[in-house]
Every structure is written in C-alpha cells, then in structure tokens.
C-alpha cells in the first residue's frame, strides 16, 4: 500500500534525514506534461529516496513508472507509451557548484530555501523521458500510404531525359 505523497517538500531536510517517499500521483495534475499527451489518463508510481553521499552532496534518487497516451506521428491515432524513469539528482543551491558535481548526478538547482512542489519535479523528469517523435513500433499505416510523392514525380522524369536538350545541341553542328 502506498503512502500519501506530500504536495510540497523540503528536499534538503529530507536528504539530511535520509527519508524515502513512495506513492502515486495523477497525470492529470501535471499541466505541462499534459500539453504533450493525447489524454489526461494515468497514474504515476513514485519511489523517492533522499540521502547525502560521502562528500556531503545531498541527492534524490527517483523512480517513476506510468503509461501515458500520446498521438502517433505516423497514423495520428492515440497510442500508449510506457515510461520507466530513473533519475539521480544532486541538490545544489548555487550555480557555481554544478560544475563540481560527480558525473553520476544531474543537477537540481534549488533557488531558495522554500519548499518545492513535488509534482513539478516528477513532471520535469517525465517530460524529459517522452519520445521526441511518438510512433507505433509496428507498421500502423497501409502499404499504399508508404509511397511518397517523390516516387511518382521520379516516374514522370524517367520518361523525359534531362539530357534531351544536350542531344539537340549536338545535332546542331
């Protein structure tokens, strides 16, 4: 059974205490993500672990699993896309500290000591994991739709040689 996730968190405090959060969030509560989706259906399974590493860098390890509906760019029909996102975010309070982070971390810049909206952090990671061009893995269009307009133009061009004009110049001598 999942616990109820808080709306806002203090990520630095959670990291100092080594806390874990597990729960679910509705996709319908993520307006920026919804701009890329066909429907607002879906639940995100959230598993977060906050901690501090050996060099005193606070971090968040997250795992987000959901299935969303997107529009296939080939056939323009709604399709399901499974998202399984793993992230490792180091919390930094100053942009200068980003360059000194270990390669394993992605930076999470905390602008102030105010609480952070948990759904916006999860929403950012889900947006980054969306396919750039969503399309079915199988052929979703009939074979007749795969021919392009260039192929029909090429057939017409083969009938009239582009060098026919040169042949007439040769015979004028």
N, C-alpha and C. Protein backbone atom coordinates (compact mmCIF):
# COMPACT_ATOMS: atom_id res chain seq x y z
N UNK A 1 0.84 -1.18 0.00
CA UNK A 1 0.00 0.00 0.00
C UNK A 1 0.89 1.25 0.00
N UNK A 2 0.52 2.20 -0.83
CA UNK A 2 1.31 3.42 -0.95
C UNK A 2 0.86 4.46 0.06
N UNK A 3 1.84 5.18 0.58
CA UNK A 3 1.51 6.27 1.47
C UNK A 3 1.13 7.48 0.63
N UNK A 4 0.46 8.42 1.21
CA UNK A 4 0.07 9.65 0.51
C UNK A 4 1.30 10.55 0.40
N UNK A 5 1.57 10.98 -0.82
CA UNK A 5 2.72 11.85 -1.05
C UNK A 5 2.39 13.29 -0.66
N UNK A 6 3.34 14.00 -0.05
CA UNK A 6 3.09 15.40 0.27
C UNK A 6 3.08 16.25 -1.00
N UNK A 7 2.33 17.36 -0.98
CA UNK A 7 2.31 18.25 -2.14
C UNK A 7 3.63 19.00 -2.26
N UNK A 8 4.14 19.48 -1.14
CA UNK A 8 5.40 20.23 -1.13
C UNK A 8 6.39 19.53 -0.21
N UNK A 9 7.67 19.65 -0.59
CA UNK A 9 8.73 19.02 0.21
C UNK A 9 9.86 20.02 0.42
N UNK A 10 10.62 19.78 1.46
CA UNK A 10 11.88 20.48 1.69
C UNK A 10 12.97 19.46 1.37
N UNK A 11 13.48 19.45 0.12
CA UNK A 11 14.38 18.38 -0.30
C UNK A 11 15.67 18.30 0.51
N UNK A 12 16.22 19.42 0.93
CA UNK A 12 17.45 19.39 1.72
C UNK A 12 17.23 18.74 3.08
N UNK A 13 16.11 19.05 3.70
CA UNK A 13 15.79 18.44 5.00
C UNK A 13 15.56 16.94 4.85
N UNK A 14 14.85 16.55 3.77
CA UNK A 14 14.61 15.13 3.53
C UNK A 14 15.92 14.38 3.31
N UNK A 15 16.86 15.01 2.61
CA UNK A 15 18.16 14.38 2.36
C UNK A 15 18.95 14.25 3.66
N UNK A 16 18.94 15.27 4.47
CA UNK A 16 19.68 15.22 5.75
C UNK A 16 19.14 14.11 6.64
N UNK A 17 17.84 13.84 6.54
CA UNK A 17 17.21 12.81 7.37
C UNK A 17 17.19 11.44 6.69
N UNK A 18 17.61 11.36 5.43
CA UNK A 18 17.64 10.09 4.70
C UNK A 18 16.27 9.45 4.54
N UNK A 19 15.28 10.26 4.20
CA UNK A 19 13.91 9.76 4.12
C UNK A 19 13.58 9.19 2.74
N UNK A 20 12.57 8.32 2.72
CA UNK A 20 12.07 7.73 1.48
C UNK A 20 10.59 8.03 1.37
N UNK A 21 10.14 8.29 0.14
CA UNK A 21 8.73 8.54 -0.12
C UNK A 21 8.27 7.61 -1.23
N UNK A 22 7.11 7.02 -1.05
CA UNK A 22 6.52 6.14 -2.05
C UNK A 22 5.04 6.47 -2.14
N UNK A 23 4.54 6.51 -3.36
CA UNK A 23 3.13 6.81 -3.53
C UNK A 23 2.76 6.91 -4.99
N UNK A 24 1.62 7.55 -5.25
CA UNK A 24 1.14 7.72 -6.60
C UNK A 24 0.67 9.14 -6.82
N UNK A 25 0.85 9.61 -8.06
CA UNK A 25 0.36 10.92 -8.47
C UNK A 25 -0.44 10.76 -9.75
N UNK A 26 -1.48 11.56 -9.91
CA UNK A 26 -2.28 11.53 -11.13
C UNK A 26 -1.61 12.35 -12.22
N UNK A 27 -1.60 11.83 -13.43
CA UNK A 27 -1.04 12.56 -14.57
C UNK A 27 -1.86 13.83 -14.82
N UNK A 28 -3.13 13.80 -14.50
CA UNK A 28 -4.00 14.96 -14.73
C UNK A 28 -3.58 16.19 -13.91
N UNK A 29 -2.76 16.00 -12.89
CA UNK A 29 -2.29 17.12 -12.08
C UNK A 29 -0.98 17.72 -12.57
N UNK A 30 -0.56 17.35 -13.78
CA UNK A 30 0.71 17.84 -14.35
C UNK A 30 0.43 18.57 -15.66
N UNK A 31 0.11 19.86 -15.59
CA UNK A 31 -0.34 20.58 -16.79
C UNK A 31 0.71 20.69 -17.91
N UNK A 32 1.96 20.82 -17.58
CA UNK A 32 2.99 20.93 -18.63
C UNK A 32 3.16 19.61 -19.37
N UNK A 33 3.06 18.49 -18.65
CA UNK A 33 3.13 17.17 -19.27
C UNK A 33 1.92 16.94 -20.17
N UNK A 34 0.76 17.39 -19.72
CA UNK A 34 -0.47 17.18 -20.49
C UNK A 34 -0.43 17.83 -21.87
N UNK A 35 0.39 18.86 -22.05
CA UNK A 35 0.50 19.52 -23.35
C UNK A 35 1.03 18.57 -24.42
N UNK A 36 1.77 17.54 -24.02
CA UNK A 36 2.35 16.58 -24.96
C UNK A 36 1.53 15.30 -25.07
N UNK A 37 0.48 15.17 -24.29
CA UNK A 37 -0.29 13.93 -24.24
C UNK A 37 -1.63 14.07 -24.96
N UNK A 38 -2.19 12.93 -25.34
CA UNK A 38 -3.50 12.90 -26.01
C UNK A 38 -4.64 12.93 -24.99
N UNK A 39 -4.42 12.32 -23.81
CA UNK A 39 -5.44 12.31 -22.76
C UNK A 39 -4.77 12.58 -21.41
N UNK A 40 -5.60 12.85 -20.42
CA UNK A 40 -5.05 13.11 -19.09
C UNK A 40 -5.13 11.88 -18.19
N UNK A 41 -5.31 10.71 -18.78
CA UNK A 41 -5.42 9.48 -18.01
C UNK A 41 -4.05 8.99 -17.57
N UNK A 42 -4.01 8.37 -16.43
CA UNK A 42 -2.77 7.74 -15.99
C UNK A 42 -2.42 8.08 -14.56
N UNK A 43 -1.71 7.14 -13.95
CA UNK A 43 -1.22 7.29 -12.58
C UNK A 43 0.28 7.03 -12.62
N UNK A 44 1.04 7.86 -11.93
CA UNK A 44 2.49 7.71 -11.85
C UNK A 44 2.83 7.05 -10.52
N UNK A 45 3.50 5.89 -10.59
CA UNK A 45 4.02 5.26 -9.38
C UNK A 45 5.35 5.93 -9.05
N UNK A 46 5.46 6.47 -7.85
CA UNK A 46 6.61 7.26 -7.44
C UNK A 46 7.35 6.55 -6.32
N UNK A 47 8.67 6.47 -6.47
CA UNK A 47 9.53 5.91 -5.44
C UNK A 47 10.74 6.83 -5.31
N UNK A 48 10.85 7.54 -4.21
CA UNK A 48 11.92 8.52 -4.00
C UNK A 48 12.74 8.16 -2.77
N UNK A 49 14.05 8.36 -2.88
CA UNK A 49 14.95 8.18 -1.74
C UNK A 49 15.85 9.40 -1.67
N UNK A 50 15.87 10.05 -0.53
CA UNK A 50 16.70 11.22 -0.30
C UNK A 50 17.84 10.82 0.62
N UNK A 51 19.05 11.34 0.34
CA UNK A 51 20.19 11.00 1.18
C UNK A 51 21.32 11.99 0.91
N UNK A 52 22.43 11.78 1.63
CA UNK A 52 23.64 12.59 1.45
C UNK A 52 24.78 11.62 1.17
N UNK A 53 25.59 11.90 0.13
CA UNK A 53 26.67 10.97 -0.21
C UNK A 53 27.90 11.23 0.66
N UNK A 54 28.98 10.49 0.38
CA UNK A 54 30.19 10.54 1.21
C UNK A 54 30.92 11.89 1.17
N UNK A 55 30.68 12.69 0.12
CA UNK A 55 31.31 14.02 0.08
C UNK A 55 30.32 15.12 0.45
N UNK A 56 29.25 14.70 1.14
CA UNK A 56 28.25 15.62 1.70
C UNK A 56 27.39 16.31 0.65
N UNK A 57 27.15 15.65 -0.47
CA UNK A 57 26.25 16.18 -1.50
C UNK A 57 24.86 15.59 -1.29
N UNK A 58 23.87 16.45 -1.02
CA UNK A 58 22.51 15.94 -0.87
C UNK A 58 21.96 15.53 -2.24
N UNK A 59 21.28 14.39 -2.30
CA UNK A 59 20.76 13.93 -3.59
C UNK A 59 19.40 13.26 -3.41
N UNK A 60 18.72 13.12 -4.56
CA UNK A 60 17.45 12.41 -4.61
C UNK A 60 17.54 11.36 -5.70
N UNK A 61 17.25 10.13 -5.34
CA UNK A 61 17.17 9.04 -6.32
C UNK A 61 15.68 8.78 -6.54
N UNK A 62 15.25 8.86 -7.79
CA UNK A 62 13.82 8.70 -8.08
C UNK A 62 13.56 7.65 -9.13
N UNK A 63 12.42 7.00 -8.99
CA UNK A 63 11.94 6.05 -10.00
C UNK A 63 10.47 6.35 -10.21
N UNK A 64 10.10 6.59 -11.49
CA UNK A 64 8.73 6.93 -11.85
C UNK A 64 8.27 6.01 -12.96
N UNK A 65 7.15 5.35 -12.75
CA UNK A 65 6.62 4.40 -13.73
C UNK A 65 5.17 4.78 -14.04
N UNK A 66 4.86 4.90 -15.33
CA UNK A 66 3.50 5.21 -15.75
C UNK A 66 3.30 4.81 -17.21
N UNK A 67 2.07 4.82 -17.63
CA UNK A 67 1.70 4.64 -19.03
C UNK A 67 0.84 5.83 -19.42
N UNK A 68 1.27 6.53 -20.48
CA UNK A 68 0.56 7.71 -20.94
C UNK A 68 0.06 7.50 -22.37
N UNK A 69 -0.88 8.32 -22.78
CA UNK A 69 -1.42 8.26 -24.13
C UNK A 69 -0.88 9.43 -24.94
N UNK A 70 -0.28 9.09 -26.09
CA UNK A 70 0.24 10.11 -27.00
C UNK A 70 -0.31 9.86 -28.39
N UNK A 71 -0.15 10.81 -29.28
CA UNK A 71 -0.61 10.67 -30.65
C UNK A 71 0.54 10.19 -31.52
N UNK A 72 0.31 9.07 -32.23
CA UNK A 72 1.32 8.53 -33.15
C UNK A 72 1.52 9.53 -34.29
N UNK A 73 2.75 9.86 -34.60
CA UNK A 73 3.05 10.83 -35.66
C UNK A 73 2.87 10.25 -37.06
N UNK A 74 2.76 8.93 -37.17
CA UNK A 74 2.54 8.31 -38.49
C UNK A 74 1.06 8.26 -38.83
N UNK A 75 0.28 7.63 -37.94
CA UNK A 75 -1.13 7.39 -38.27
C UNK A 75 -2.08 8.37 -37.57
N UNK A 76 -1.56 9.19 -36.67
CA UNK A 76 -2.33 10.19 -35.94
C UNK A 76 -3.40 9.59 -35.02
N UNK A 77 -3.19 8.34 -34.60
CA UNK A 77 -4.10 7.69 -33.66
C UNK A 77 -3.45 7.68 -32.29
N UNK A 78 -4.29 7.57 -31.26
CA UNK A 78 -3.80 7.55 -29.88
C UNK A 78 -3.11 6.21 -29.62
N UNK A 79 -1.97 6.28 -28.95
CA UNK A 79 -1.21 5.08 -28.61
C UNK A 79 -0.73 5.18 -27.17
N UNK A 80 -0.45 4.06 -26.57
CA UNK A 80 0.06 4.01 -25.19
C UNK A 80 1.58 4.02 -25.21
N UNK A 81 2.18 4.79 -24.32
CA UNK A 81 3.63 4.87 -24.19
C UNK A 81 3.97 4.56 -22.73
N UNK A 82 4.79 3.53 -22.53
CA UNK A 82 5.23 3.18 -21.18
C UNK A 82 6.46 4.02 -20.83
N UNK A 83 6.42 4.65 -19.68
CA UNK A 83 7.56 5.44 -19.20
C UNK A 83 8.08 4.79 -17.92
N UNK A 84 9.37 4.54 -17.90
CA UNK A 84 10.04 3.97 -16.74
C UNK A 84 11.29 4.83 -16.52
N UNK A 85 11.19 5.81 -15.64
CA UNK A 85 12.22 6.83 -15.49
C UNK A 85 12.99 6.61 -14.20
N UNK A 86 14.31 6.59 -14.32
CA UNK A 86 15.19 6.57 -13.16
C UNK A 86 16.03 7.85 -13.19
N UNK A 87 16.12 8.53 -12.08
CA UNK A 87 16.92 9.75 -12.05
C UNK A 87 17.74 9.81 -10.76
N UNK A 88 18.82 10.54 -10.83
CA UNK A 88 19.69 10.78 -9.68
C UNK A 88 20.05 12.26 -9.70
N UNK A 89 19.40 13.02 -8.85
CA UNK A 89 19.54 14.47 -8.86
C UNK A 89 20.31 14.95 -7.63
N UNK A 90 21.37 15.70 -7.86
CA UNK A 90 22.11 16.32 -6.76
C UNK A 90 21.54 17.71 -6.52
N UNK A 91 21.26 18.01 -5.28
CA UNK A 91 20.68 19.30 -4.93
C UNK A 91 21.79 20.33 -4.71
N UNK A 92 21.72 21.41 -5.48
CA UNK A 92 22.69 22.49 -5.33
C UNK A 92 21.94 23.79 -5.13
N UNK A 93 22.54 24.66 -4.33
CA UNK A 93 21.91 25.95 -4.05
C UNK A 93 22.58 27.09 -4.78
N UNK A 94 23.66 26.77 -5.49
CA UNK A 94 24.41 27.80 -6.20
C UNK A 94 24.86 27.23 -7.55
N UNK A 95 24.71 27.99 -8.61
CA UNK A 95 25.08 27.51 -9.95
C UNK A 95 26.56 27.16 -10.06
N UNK A 96 27.41 27.80 -9.30
CA UNK A 96 28.86 27.51 -9.36
C UNK A 96 29.17 26.09 -8.89
N UNK A 97 28.32 25.54 -8.05
CA UNK A 97 28.55 24.18 -7.53
C UNK A 97 28.21 23.10 -8.56
N UNK A 98 27.50 23.45 -9.61
CA UNK A 98 27.09 22.46 -10.62
C UNK A 98 28.30 21.84 -11.30
N UNK A 99 29.29 22.65 -11.61
CA UNK A 99 30.48 22.14 -12.30
C UNK A 99 31.27 21.15 -11.46
N UNK A 100 31.18 21.22 -10.15
CA UNK A 100 31.93 20.33 -9.28
C UNK A 100 31.22 19.03 -8.95
N UNK A 101 30.04 18.80 -9.54
CA UNK A 101 29.29 17.59 -9.23
C UNK A 101 29.91 16.36 -9.89
N UNK A 102 29.75 15.22 -9.25
CA UNK A 102 30.18 13.96 -9.85
C UNK A 102 29.34 13.70 -11.09
N UNK A 103 29.92 12.97 -12.05
CA UNK A 103 29.24 12.73 -13.33
C UNK A 103 27.94 11.98 -13.19
N UNK A 104 27.79 11.20 -12.16
CA UNK A 104 26.59 10.39 -11.99
C UNK A 104 25.35 11.23 -11.72
N UNK A 105 25.54 12.47 -11.27
CA UNK A 105 24.41 13.31 -10.88
C UNK A 105 23.97 14.25 -12.00
N UNK A 106 22.66 14.48 -12.03
CA UNK A 106 22.11 15.59 -12.78
C UNK A 106 21.85 16.68 -11.75
N UNK A 107 22.13 17.94 -12.08
CA UNK A 107 21.93 18.99 -11.08
C UNK A 107 20.46 19.34 -10.88
N UNK A 108 20.12 19.61 -9.65
CA UNK A 108 18.79 20.11 -9.29
C UNK A 108 19.04 21.41 -8.54
N UNK A 109 18.89 22.54 -9.23
CA UNK A 109 19.17 23.85 -8.66
C UNK A 109 17.98 24.30 -7.81
N UNK A 110 18.23 24.47 -6.53
CA UNK A 110 17.21 24.96 -5.61
C UNK A 110 17.43 26.45 -5.44
N UNK A 111 16.49 27.23 -5.91
CA UNK A 111 16.65 28.68 -5.92
C UNK A 111 16.59 29.31 -4.53
N UNK A 112 15.83 28.72 -3.65
CA UNK A 112 15.71 29.30 -2.32
C UNK A 112 15.47 28.17 -1.32
N UNK A 113 15.30 28.55 -0.09
CA UNK A 113 15.05 27.54 0.94
C UNK A 113 13.57 27.22 1.06
N UNK A 114 12.75 27.75 0.14
CA UNK A 114 11.31 27.47 0.16
C UNK A 114 11.05 26.01 -0.21
N UNK A 115 9.89 25.52 0.19
CA UNK A 115 9.50 24.17 -0.17
C UNK A 115 9.29 24.08 -1.68
N UNK A 116 9.45 22.86 -2.20
CA UNK A 116 9.35 22.60 -3.64
C UNK A 116 8.10 21.77 -3.90
N UNK A 117 7.38 22.09 -4.96
CA UNK A 117 6.22 21.32 -5.36
C UNK A 117 6.70 19.98 -5.92
N UNK A 118 6.40 18.89 -5.23
CA UNK A 118 6.89 17.57 -5.60
C UNK A 118 6.45 17.17 -7.00
N UNK A 119 5.21 17.44 -7.36
CA UNK A 119 4.71 17.04 -8.67
C UNK A 119 5.46 17.73 -9.80
N UNK A 120 5.97 18.94 -9.58
CA UNK A 120 6.70 19.64 -10.66
C UNK A 120 8.05 18.99 -10.92
N UNK A 121 8.70 18.47 -9.90
CA UNK A 121 9.98 17.77 -10.08
C UNK A 121 9.74 16.48 -10.87
N UNK A 122 8.72 15.74 -10.49
CA UNK A 122 8.38 14.49 -11.18
C UNK A 122 7.94 14.79 -12.61
N UNK A 123 7.17 15.84 -12.78
CA UNK A 123 6.70 16.25 -14.11
C UNK A 123 7.88 16.57 -15.03
N UNK A 124 8.88 17.28 -14.51
CA UNK A 124 10.08 17.60 -15.31
C UNK A 124 10.76 16.34 -15.83
N UNK A 125 10.93 15.36 -14.96
CA UNK A 125 11.61 14.12 -15.34
C UNK A 125 10.79 13.33 -16.36
N UNK A 126 9.48 13.32 -16.21
CA UNK A 126 8.63 12.62 -17.18
C UNK A 126 8.66 13.31 -18.54
N UNK A 127 8.64 14.62 -18.55
CA UNK A 127 8.71 15.36 -19.82
C UNK A 127 10.01 15.05 -20.55
N UNK A 128 11.11 14.99 -19.81
CA UNK A 128 12.40 14.68 -20.43
C UNK A 128 12.46 13.27 -21.00
N UNK A 129 11.63 12.37 -20.49
CA UNK A 129 11.67 10.98 -20.96
C UNK A 129 10.69 10.68 -22.09
N UNK A 130 9.86 11.64 -22.44
CA UNK A 130 8.89 11.41 -23.52
C UNK A 130 9.64 11.22 -24.85
N UNK A 131 9.11 10.35 -25.72
CA UNK A 131 9.75 10.21 -27.04
C UNK A 131 9.61 11.50 -27.84
N UNK A 132 10.65 11.85 -28.56
CA UNK A 132 10.63 13.07 -29.36
C UNK A 132 9.59 12.97 -30.47
N UNK A 133 9.52 11.81 -31.13
CA UNK A 133 8.53 11.55 -32.17
C UNK A 133 7.82 10.25 -31.81
N UNK A 134 6.67 10.34 -31.15
CA UNK A 134 5.97 9.11 -30.78
C UNK A 134 5.39 8.41 -32.00
N UNK A 135 5.63 7.11 -32.10
CA UNK A 135 5.07 6.32 -33.20
C UNK A 135 5.01 4.86 -32.78
N UNK A 136 4.08 4.15 -33.40
CA UNK A 136 3.93 2.72 -33.12
C UNK A 136 5.18 1.98 -33.55
N UNK A 137 5.50 0.89 -32.85
CA UNK A 137 6.64 0.06 -33.24
C UNK A 137 6.34 -0.74 -34.49
N UNK A 138 5.08 -1.13 -34.65
CA UNK A 138 4.69 -1.88 -35.84
C UNK A 138 4.20 -0.91 -36.92
N UNK A 139 4.08 -1.42 -38.14
CA UNK A 139 3.58 -0.59 -39.25
C UNK A 139 2.11 -0.28 -38.98
N UNK A 140 1.80 0.97 -38.80
CA UNK A 140 0.43 1.34 -38.45
C UNK A 140 -0.32 1.94 -39.64
N UNK A 141 0.34 2.05 -40.79
CA UNK A 141 -0.30 2.56 -41.99
C UNK A 141 -0.32 1.48 -43.06
N UNK A 142 -1.33 1.47 -43.94
CA UNK A 142 -1.32 0.52 -45.05
C UNK A 142 -0.13 0.78 -45.98
N UNK A 143 0.31 -0.26 -46.68
CA UNK A 143 1.48 -0.16 -47.55
C UNK A 143 1.30 0.91 -48.62
N UNK A 144 0.07 1.13 -49.07
CA UNK A 144 -0.17 2.13 -50.11
C UNK A 144 0.14 3.55 -49.63
N UNK A 145 0.04 3.77 -48.32
CA UNK A 145 0.33 5.10 -47.78
C UNK A 145 1.82 5.36 -47.61
N UNK A 146 2.65 4.33 -47.76
CA UNK A 146 4.09 4.49 -47.58
C UNK A 146 4.77 5.07 -48.81
N UNK A 147 4.12 5.05 -49.98
CA UNK A 147 4.74 5.64 -51.17
C UNK A 147 4.70 7.15 -51.03
N UNK A 148 5.76 7.77 -51.45
CA UNK A 148 5.83 9.21 -51.29
C UNK A 148 5.54 9.90 -52.62
N UNK A 149 5.30 11.17 -52.58
CA UNK A 149 5.04 11.96 -53.78
C UNK A 149 6.28 12.00 -54.66
N UNK A 150 7.47 11.90 -54.08
CA UNK A 150 8.71 11.93 -54.85
C UNK A 150 8.80 10.75 -55.82
N UNK A 151 8.25 9.60 -55.43
CA UNK A 151 8.32 8.42 -56.28
C UNK A 151 7.50 8.61 -57.56
N UNK A 152 6.34 9.25 -57.45
CA UNK A 152 5.50 9.46 -58.63
C UNK A 152 6.14 10.50 -59.55
N UNK A 153 6.79 11.51 -58.99
CA UNK A 153 7.49 12.51 -59.79
C UNK A 153 8.66 11.85 -60.50
N UNK A 154 9.35 10.95 -59.83
CA UNK A 154 10.51 10.29 -60.43
C UNK A 154 10.09 9.46 -61.64
N UNK A 155 8.91 8.83 -61.60
CA UNK A 155 8.44 8.05 -62.74
C UNK A 155 8.22 8.94 -63.95
N UNK A 156 7.67 10.14 -63.75
CA UNK A 156 7.45 11.07 -64.86
C UNK A 156 8.76 11.55 -65.43
N UNK A 157 9.75 11.78 -64.57
CA UNK A 157 11.04 12.29 -65.04
C UNK A 157 11.79 11.25 -65.86
N UNK A 158 11.60 9.99 -65.58
CA UNK A 158 12.31 8.95 -66.32
C UNK A 158 11.85 8.92 -67.78
N UNK A 159 10.64 9.31 -68.07
CA UNK A 159 10.13 9.32 -69.43
C UNK A 159 10.80 10.40 -70.26
N UNK A 160 11.10 11.54 -69.67
CA UNK A 160 11.76 12.63 -70.36
C UNK A 160 13.16 12.77 -69.79
N UNK A 161 14.15 12.49 -70.59
CA UNK A 161 15.52 12.54 -70.13
C UNK A 161 15.96 13.98 -69.91
N UNK A 162 16.65 14.25 -68.81
CA UNK A 162 17.13 15.62 -68.59
C UNK A 162 18.23 16.01 -69.57
N UNK A 163 18.81 15.03 -70.27
CA UNK A 163 19.87 15.32 -71.23
C UNK A 163 19.36 15.44 -72.66
N UNK A 164 18.04 15.41 -72.82
CA UNK A 164 17.46 15.52 -74.16
C UNK A 164 17.84 16.85 -74.80
N UNK A 165 17.93 17.89 -74.03
CA UNK A 165 18.31 19.21 -74.55
C UNK A 165 19.75 19.17 -75.07
N UNK A 166 20.63 18.47 -74.41
CA UNK A 166 22.01 18.36 -74.84
C UNK A 166 22.12 17.61 -76.17
N UNK A 167 21.27 16.64 -76.36
CA UNK A 167 21.28 15.87 -77.62
C UNK A 167 20.92 16.78 -78.78
N UNK A 168 20.01 17.72 -78.57
CA UNK A 168 19.64 18.64 -79.67
C UNK A 168 20.79 19.58 -79.97
N UNK A 169 21.57 19.97 -78.97
CA UNK A 169 22.73 20.86 -79.22
C UNK A 169 23.79 20.13 -80.05
N UNK A 170 23.94 18.85 -79.82
CA UNK A 170 24.94 18.05 -80.52
C UNK A 170 24.59 17.92 -82.01
N UNK A 171 23.34 17.84 -82.33
CA UNK A 171 22.91 17.67 -83.70
C UNK A 171 22.92 18.98 -84.47
N UNK A 172 23.02 20.14 -83.82
CA UNK A 172 23.00 21.45 -84.50
C UNK A 172 24.32 21.74 -85.20
N UNK A 173 25.38 21.04 -84.93
CA UNK A 173 26.69 21.33 -85.53
C UNK A 173 26.69 21.15 -86.97
